[in-house]
Amino acid sequence: MANRKKLPEINASSMADIAFLLLIFFLVTTTMDVDKGLMTLLPPYSEEPPPETKQNKRNVLDILVNSKDMLLVKGKPLEVAELKELCKRHVNNNGVDPDFSDNPGEAVVSLKSDRGTSYDIYITVQNELKAAYNELRDDYARGKFGETFTELKLALKSRKNDQQLRDKLKDVREAYPLRISEAEPENFSK
C-alpha cells in the first residue's frame, strides 16, 4: 500500500471567537431607526364612557375634516390657512361675538375627522390649532410678564427648580387652557 500523507487540517477553534467579535462589532456600529410620533398626552384608558358635560354651543368650535381633506368649521367650508386665525378669534372672543366663546377658559375646539382623511391634513390641522393657542399664550405672557410663553418654557429647561417660572407658566396655562377635543374618526360618507 502506498504511503499517503494526511492533508493538514485547518484549525477552526478560533472561528467562534471571530464570529462573536463580528457580531458585537455590527451590533455596536449599526444604528436603529427610532419611531417618531406626535407628542400628545392621552387620557388614561377606561372602560367607562366619559361623563356627559353640558357645554354652551357657542363655546365649541366644531371642525370636521372629510375624506377629501376639506374643512367644515361651524358648518361652513374653510381653508386650512384661515384656521389658526379663526381659532384664535374663537378662544379669545371673551363674549364679544355671539358666535364664538364666552372666554378662553370655556372655549373648546372639537376636531373630528373622516376615516379617509390623510395624515398630512390631520397633522396640519393639529399644528394650526396648537399654533393658535401658542400665539395666544405668547401674547398673554408678553403682556403680563414681558416674556413669551415659549421663552418662559425654554428658561425653565435651564432653571428646573425655579418656582417663580413654574408659577408664571401655570398662570398662562390657566388663562388659556389647551382644550382640543378629538373624536374617534368616522365615515362621514355613509
C-alpha atoms as a PDB file:
ATOM      1  CA  MET A   1       0.000   0.000   0.000  1.00  0.00           C
ATOM      2  CA  ALA A   2       1.168   3.430  -0.814  1.00  0.00           C
ATOM      3  CA  ASN A   3       2.087   5.734   1.924  1.00  0.00           C
ATOM      4  CA  ARG A   4      -0.384   8.572   1.769  1.00  0.00           C
ATOM      5  CA  LYS A   5       0.261  11.773   3.569  1.00  0.00           C
ATOM      6  CA  LYS A   6      -2.542  13.192   5.592  1.00  0.00           C
ATOM      7  CA  LEU A   7      -3.667  16.623   4.487  1.00  0.00           C
ATOM      8  CA  PRO A   8      -3.170  19.264   7.134  1.00  0.00           C
ATOM      9  CA  GLU A   9      -6.406  20.329   8.833  1.00  0.00           C
ATOM     10  CA  ILE A  10      -7.432  23.928   9.216  1.00  0.00           C
ATOM     11  CA  ASN A  11      -7.588  24.955  12.817  1.00  0.00           C
ATOM     12  CA  ALA A  12     -11.178  26.174  13.352  1.00  0.00           C
ATOM     13  CA  SER A  13     -11.000  26.656  17.084  1.00  0.00           C
ATOM     14  CA  SER A  14     -10.935  30.468  16.844  1.00  0.00           C
ATOM     15  CA  MET A  15     -13.811  30.722  14.279  1.00  0.00           C
ATOM     16  CA  ALA A  16     -16.403  31.030  17.025  1.00  0.00           C
ATOM     17  CA  ASP A  17     -14.424  33.845  18.614  1.00  0.00           C
ATOM     18  CA  ILE A  18     -14.156  35.673  15.297  1.00  0.00           C
ATOM     19  CA  ALA A  19     -17.887  35.270  14.585  1.00  0.00           C
ATOM     20  CA  PHE A  20     -18.717  36.556  18.064  1.00  0.00           C
ATOM     21  CA  LEU A  21     -16.449  39.588  17.632  1.00  0.00           C
ATOM     22  CA  LEU A  22     -18.011  40.373  14.245  1.00  0.00           C
ATOM     23  CA  LEU A  23     -21.486  40.116  15.745  1.00  0.00           C
ATOM     24  CA  ILE A  24     -20.579  42.539  18.536  1.00  0.00           C
ATOM     25  CA  PHE A  25     -18.950  44.898  16.034  1.00  0.00           C
ATOM     26  CA  PHE A  26     -22.085  45.054  13.881  1.00  0.00           C
ATOM     27  CA  LEU A  27     -24.366  45.469  16.891  1.00  0.00           C
ATOM     28  CA  VAL A  28     -22.304  48.368  18.184  1.00  0.00           C
ATOM     29  CA  THR A  29     -21.883  50.157  14.862  1.00  0.00           C
ATOM     30  CA  THR A  30     -25.406  49.702  13.490  1.00  0.00           C
ATOM     31  CA  THR A  31     -27.929  52.457  14.110  1.00  0.00           C
ATOM     32  CA  MET A  32     -31.574  51.668  14.656  1.00  0.00           C
ATOM     33  CA  ASP A  33     -34.374  53.824  13.349  1.00  0.00           C
ATOM     34  CA  VAL A  34     -36.342  55.365  16.161  1.00  0.00           C
ATOM     35  CA  ASP A  35     -40.066  55.717  15.628  1.00  0.00           C
ATOM     36  CA  LYS A  36     -41.218  59.283  15.774  1.00  0.00           C
ATOM     37  CA  GLY A  37     -44.703  60.340  16.671  1.00  0.00           C
ATOM     38  CA  LEU A  38     -46.875  63.132  17.907  1.00  0.00           C
ATOM     39  CA  MET A  39     -46.196  64.483  21.347  1.00  0.00           C
ATOM     40  CA  THR A  40     -49.724  64.234  22.659  1.00  0.00           C
ATOM     41  CA  LEU A  41     -50.760  63.418  26.185  1.00  0.00           C
ATOM     42  CA  LEU A  42     -53.555  60.878  26.014  1.00  0.00           C
ATOM     43  CA  PRO A  43     -56.019  60.320  28.833  1.00  0.00           C
ATOM     44  CA  PRO A  44     -55.781  57.010  30.682  1.00  0.00           C
ATOM     45  CA  TYR A  45     -57.784  54.139  29.200  1.00  0.00           C
ATOM     46  CA  SER A  46     -61.148  53.500  30.794  1.00  0.00           C
ATOM     47  CA  GLU A  47     -63.913  51.009  30.046  1.00  0.00           C
ATOM     48  CA  GLU A  48     -66.497  53.521  31.197  1.00  0.00           C
ATOM     49  CA  PRO A  49     -67.737  56.178  28.783  1.00  0.00           C
ATOM     50  CA  PRO A  50     -66.803  59.747  29.706  1.00  0.00           C
ATOM     51  CA  PRO A  51     -69.393  61.659  31.697  1.00  0.00           C
ATOM     52  CA  GLU A  52     -71.802  63.887  29.799  1.00  0.00           C
ATOM     53  CA  THR A  53     -70.827  67.517  30.065  1.00  0.00           C
ATOM     54  CA  LYS A  54     -73.104  70.419  29.363  1.00  0.00           C
ATOM     55  CA  GLN A  55     -71.271  72.817  27.101  1.00  0.00           C
ATOM     56  CA  ASN A  56     -72.734  76.023  25.738  1.00  0.00           C
ATOM     57  CA  LYS A  57     -72.856  75.603  21.936  1.00  0.00           C
ATOM     58  CA  ARG A  58     -71.172  78.937  21.349  1.00  0.00           C
ATOM     59  CA  ASN A  59     -68.120  77.805  23.344  1.00  0.00           C
ATOM     60  CA  VAL A  60     -67.430  74.895  20.960  1.00  0.00           C
ATOM     61  CA  LEU A  61     -65.626  75.404  17.660  1.00  0.00           C
ATOM     62  CA  ASP A  62     -66.633  72.360  15.584  1.00  0.00           C
ATOM     63  CA  ILE A  63     -64.096  71.314  12.959  1.00  0.00           C
ATOM     64  CA  LEU A  64     -64.842  68.448  10.584  1.00  0.00           C
ATOM     65  CA  VAL A  65     -62.263  67.123   8.113  1.00  0.00           C
ATOM     66  CA  ASN A  66     -63.709  64.923   5.370  1.00  0.00           C
ATOM     67  CA  SER A  67     -62.054  62.186   3.314  1.00  0.00           C
ATOM     68  CA  LYS A  68     -61.237  64.720   0.571  1.00  0.00           C
ATOM     69  CA  ASP A  69     -59.206  66.742   3.117  1.00  0.00           C
ATOM     70  CA  MET A  70     -61.669  69.620   3.135  1.00  0.00           C
ATOM     71  CA  LEU A  71     -62.556  71.504   6.322  1.00  0.00           C
ATOM     72  CA  LEU A  72     -66.003  72.341   7.569  1.00  0.00           C
ATOM     73  CA  VAL A  73     -65.831  74.757  10.518  1.00  0.00           C
ATOM     74  CA  LYS A  74     -69.068  75.711  12.283  1.00  0.00           C
ATOM     75  CA  GLY A  75     -70.913  74.317   9.280  1.00  0.00           C
ATOM     76  CA  LYS A  76     -69.044  76.408   6.698  1.00  0.00           C
ATOM     77  CA  PRO A  77     -66.153  75.452   4.375  1.00  0.00           C
ATOM     78  CA  LEU A  78     -62.798  76.896   5.395  1.00  0.00           C
ATOM     79  CA  GLU A  79     -59.251  76.800   4.069  1.00  0.00           C
ATOM     80  CA  VAL A  80     -56.551  75.413   6.375  1.00  0.00           C
ATOM     81  CA  ALA A  81     -54.615  78.679   6.101  1.00  0.00           C
ATOM     82  CA  GLU A  82     -57.520  80.519   7.772  1.00  0.00           C
ATOM     83  CA  LEU A  83     -57.922  78.034  10.636  1.00  0.00           C
ATOM     84  CA  LYS A  84     -55.346  79.490  13.043  1.00  0.00           C
ATOM     85  CA  GLU A  85     -56.842  82.993  12.976  1.00  0.00           C
ATOM     86  CA  LEU A  86     -60.387  81.645  13.360  1.00  0.00           C
ATOM     87  CA  CYS A  87     -59.310  79.504  16.319  1.00  0.00           C
ATOM     88  CA  LYS A  88     -57.614  82.494  17.964  1.00  0.00           C
ATOM     89  CA  ARG A  89     -60.733  84.580  17.401  1.00  0.00           C
ATOM     90  CA  HIS A  90     -62.914  81.855  18.921  1.00  0.00           C
ATOM     91  CA  VAL A  91     -60.767  81.309  22.015  1.00  0.00           C
ATOM     92  CA  ASN A  92     -60.024  84.981  22.679  1.00  0.00           C
ATOM     93  CA  ASN A  93     -63.553  86.261  21.963  1.00  0.00           C
ATOM     94  CA  ASN A  94     -64.489  86.989  25.596  1.00  0.00           C
ATOM     95  CA  GLY A  95     -68.205  87.087  24.749  1.00  0.00           C
ATOM     96  CA  VAL A  96     -67.982  89.888  22.170  1.00  0.00           C
ATOM     97  CA  ASP A  97     -69.189  87.895  19.140  1.00  0.00           C
ATOM     98  CA  PRO A  98     -72.218  85.681  19.923  1.00  0.00           C
ATOM     99  CA  ASP A  99     -70.914  83.017  17.515  1.00  0.00           C
ATOM    100  CA  PHE A 100     -67.720  82.458  19.485  1.00  0.00           C
ATOM    101  CA  SER A 101     -66.734  81.549  23.060  1.00  0.00           C
ATOM    102  CA  ASP A 102     -67.603  83.340  26.271  1.00  0.00           C
ATOM    103  CA  ASN A 103     -63.972  83.331  27.465  1.00  0.00           C
ATOM    104  CA  PRO A 104     -60.729  81.382  26.944  1.00  0.00           C
ATOM    105  CA  GLY A 105     -61.431  79.139  29.935  1.00  0.00           C
ATOM    106  CA  GLU A 106     -64.717  77.960  28.431  1.00  0.00           C
ATOM    107  CA  ALA A 107     -63.556  77.670  24.809  1.00  0.00           C
ATOM    108  CA  VAL A 108     -63.319  74.172  23.351  1.00  0.00           C
ATOM    109  CA  VAL A 109     -62.084  73.191  19.908  1.00  0.00           C
ATOM    110  CA  SER A 110     -63.727  69.972  18.706  1.00  0.00           C
ATOM    111  CA  LEU A 111     -61.882  68.148  15.928  1.00  0.00           C
ATOM    112  CA  LYS A 112     -63.491  65.266  14.108  1.00  0.00           C
ATOM    113  CA  SER A 113     -62.096  63.589  11.020  1.00  0.00           C
ATOM    114  CA  ASP A 114     -63.254  61.036   8.497  1.00  0.00           C
ATOM    115  CA  ARG A 115     -61.531  57.659   8.388  1.00  0.00           C
ATOM    116  CA  GLY A 116     -60.324  58.568   4.886  1.00  0.00           C
ATOM    117  CA  THR A 117     -58.672  61.829   5.970  1.00  0.00           C
ATOM    118  CA  SER A 118     -54.986  61.917   5.033  1.00  0.00           C
ATOM    119  CA  TYR A 119     -52.391  62.096   7.773  1.00  0.00           C
ATOM    120  CA  ASP A 120     -50.899  65.205   6.210  1.00  0.00           C
ATOM    121  CA  ILE A 121     -54.068  67.280   6.561  1.00  0.00           C
ATOM    122  CA  TYR A 122     -54.772  65.869  10.022  1.00  0.00           C
ATOM    123  CA  ILE A 123     -51.300  66.854  11.249  1.00  0.00           C
ATOM    124  CA  THR A 124     -51.582  70.247   9.526  1.00  0.00           C
ATOM    125  CA  VAL A 125     -54.895  70.955  11.278  1.00  0.00           C
ATOM    126  CA  GLN A 126     -53.408  69.858  14.615  1.00  0.00           C
ATOM    127  CA  ASN A 127     -50.423  72.164  14.079  1.00  0.00           C
ATOM    128  CA  GLU A 128     -52.652  75.123  13.195  1.00  0.00           C
ATOM    129  CA  LEU A 129     -54.764  74.643  16.332  1.00  0.00           C
ATOM    130  CA  LYS A 130     -51.750  74.336  18.618  1.00  0.00           C
ATOM    131  CA  ALA A 131     -50.085  77.311  16.912  1.00  0.00           C
ATOM    132  CA  ALA A 132     -53.190  79.396  17.617  1.00  0.00           C
ATOM    133  CA  TYR A 133     -53.058  78.522  21.313  1.00  0.00           C
ATOM    134  CA  ASN A 134     -49.299  79.118  21.452  1.00  0.00           C
ATOM    135  CA  GLU A 135     -49.688  82.577  19.905  1.00  0.00           C
ATOM    136  CA  LEU A 136     -52.448  83.478  22.366  1.00  0.00           C
ATOM    137  CA  ARG A 137     -50.324  82.246  25.254  1.00  0.00           C
ATOM    138  CA  ASP A 138     -47.279  84.123  23.948  1.00  0.00           C
ATOM    139  CA  ASP A 139     -49.270  87.380  23.700  1.00  0.00           C
ATOM    140  CA  TYR A 140     -50.728  86.949  27.185  1.00  0.00           C
ATOM    141  CA  ALA A 141     -47.335  86.151  28.755  1.00  0.00           C
ATOM    142  CA  ARG A 142     -45.613  89.021  26.928  1.00  0.00           C
ATOM    143  CA  GLY A 143     -48.229  91.461  28.200  1.00  0.00           C
ATOM    144  CA  LYS A 144     -48.134  90.177  31.771  1.00  0.00           C
ATOM    145  CA  PHE A 145     -44.506  89.080  32.295  1.00  0.00           C
ATOM    146  CA  GLY A 146     -42.556  90.751  29.485  1.00  0.00           C
ATOM    147  CA  GLU A 147     -41.561  87.357  28.051  1.00  0.00           C
ATOM    148  CA  THR A 148     -43.403  84.990  25.731  1.00  0.00           C
ATOM    149  CA  PHE A 149     -44.763  81.647  26.883  1.00  0.00           C
ATOM    150  CA  THR A 150     -42.196  79.939  24.648  1.00  0.00           C
ATOM    151  CA  GLU A 151     -39.341  81.919  26.249  1.00  0.00           C
ATOM    152  CA  LEU A 152     -40.608  81.005  29.718  1.00  0.00           C
ATOM    153  CA  LYS A 153     -40.668  77.306  28.789  1.00  0.00           C
ATOM    154  CA  LEU A 154     -37.123  77.492  27.422  1.00  0.00           C
ATOM    155  CA  ALA A 155     -35.923  79.284  30.551  1.00  0.00           C
ATOM    156  CA  LEU A 156     -37.450  76.543  32.711  1.00  0.00           C
ATOM    157  CA  LYS A 157     -35.312  73.934  30.946  1.00  0.00           C
ATOM    158  CA  SER A 158     -32.142  75.588  32.228  1.00  0.00           C
ATOM    159  CA  ARG A 159     -33.592  76.528  35.641  1.00  0.00           C
ATOM    160  CA  LYS A 160     -35.685  73.475  36.515  1.00  0.00           C
ATOM    161  CA  ASN A 161     -36.139  74.358  40.171  1.00  0.00           C
ATOM    162  CA  ASP A 162     -37.281  77.957  39.602  1.00  0.00           C
ATOM    163  CA  GLN A 163     -40.702  78.066  41.260  1.00  0.00           C
ATOM    164  CA  GLN A 164     -41.379  81.592  40.031  1.00  0.00           C
ATOM    165  CA  LEU A 165     -41.066  80.415  36.415  1.00  0.00           C
ATOM    166  CA  ARG A 166     -43.342  77.461  37.146  1.00  0.00           C
ATOM    167  CA  ASP A 167     -45.935  79.820  38.613  1.00  0.00           C
ATOM    168  CA  LYS A 168     -45.795  82.062  35.537  1.00  0.00           C
ATOM    169  CA  LEU A 169     -46.263  79.095  33.205  1.00  0.00           C
ATOM    170  CA  LYS A 170     -49.155  77.838  35.332  1.00  0.00           C
ATOM    171  CA  ASP A 171     -50.782  81.266  35.193  1.00  0.00           C
ATOM    172  CA  VAL A 172     -50.549  81.324  31.375  1.00  0.00           C
ATOM    173  CA  ARG A 173     -51.893  77.774  31.062  1.00  0.00           C
ATOM    174  CA  GLU A 174     -54.817  78.623  33.334  1.00  0.00           C
ATOM    175  CA  ALA A 175     -55.585  81.786  31.374  1.00  0.00           C
ATOM    176  CA  TYR A 176     -55.513  79.880  28.048  1.00  0.00           C
ATOM    177  CA  PRO A 177     -56.102  76.190  28.740  1.00  0.00           C
ATOM    178  CA  LEU A 178     -55.455  73.963  25.727  1.00  0.00           C
ATOM    179  CA  ARG A 179     -58.859  72.368  25.248  1.00  0.00           C
ATOM    180  CA  ILE A 180     -58.863  70.440  21.991  1.00  0.00           C
ATOM    181  CA  SER A 181     -61.338  67.584  21.861  1.00  0.00           C
ATOM    182  CA  GLU A 182     -60.639  64.864  19.320  1.00  0.00           C
ATOM    183  CA  ALA A 183     -63.399  62.459  18.414  1.00  0.00           C
ATOM    184  CA  GLU A 184     -62.860  58.994  17.017  1.00  0.00           C
ATOM    185  CA  PRO A 185     -62.797  59.073  13.200  1.00  0.00           C
ATOM    186  CA  GLU A 186     -65.948  58.023  11.379  1.00  0.00           C
ATOM    187  CA  ASN A 187     -67.081  57.542   7.806  1.00  0.00           C
ATOM    188  CA  PHE A 188     -68.993  60.746   7.001  1.00  0.00           C
ATOM    189  CA  SER A 189     -69.931  59.476   3.555  1.00  0.00           C
ATOM    190  CA  LYS A 190     -72.397  56.899   4.935  1.00  0.00           C
END
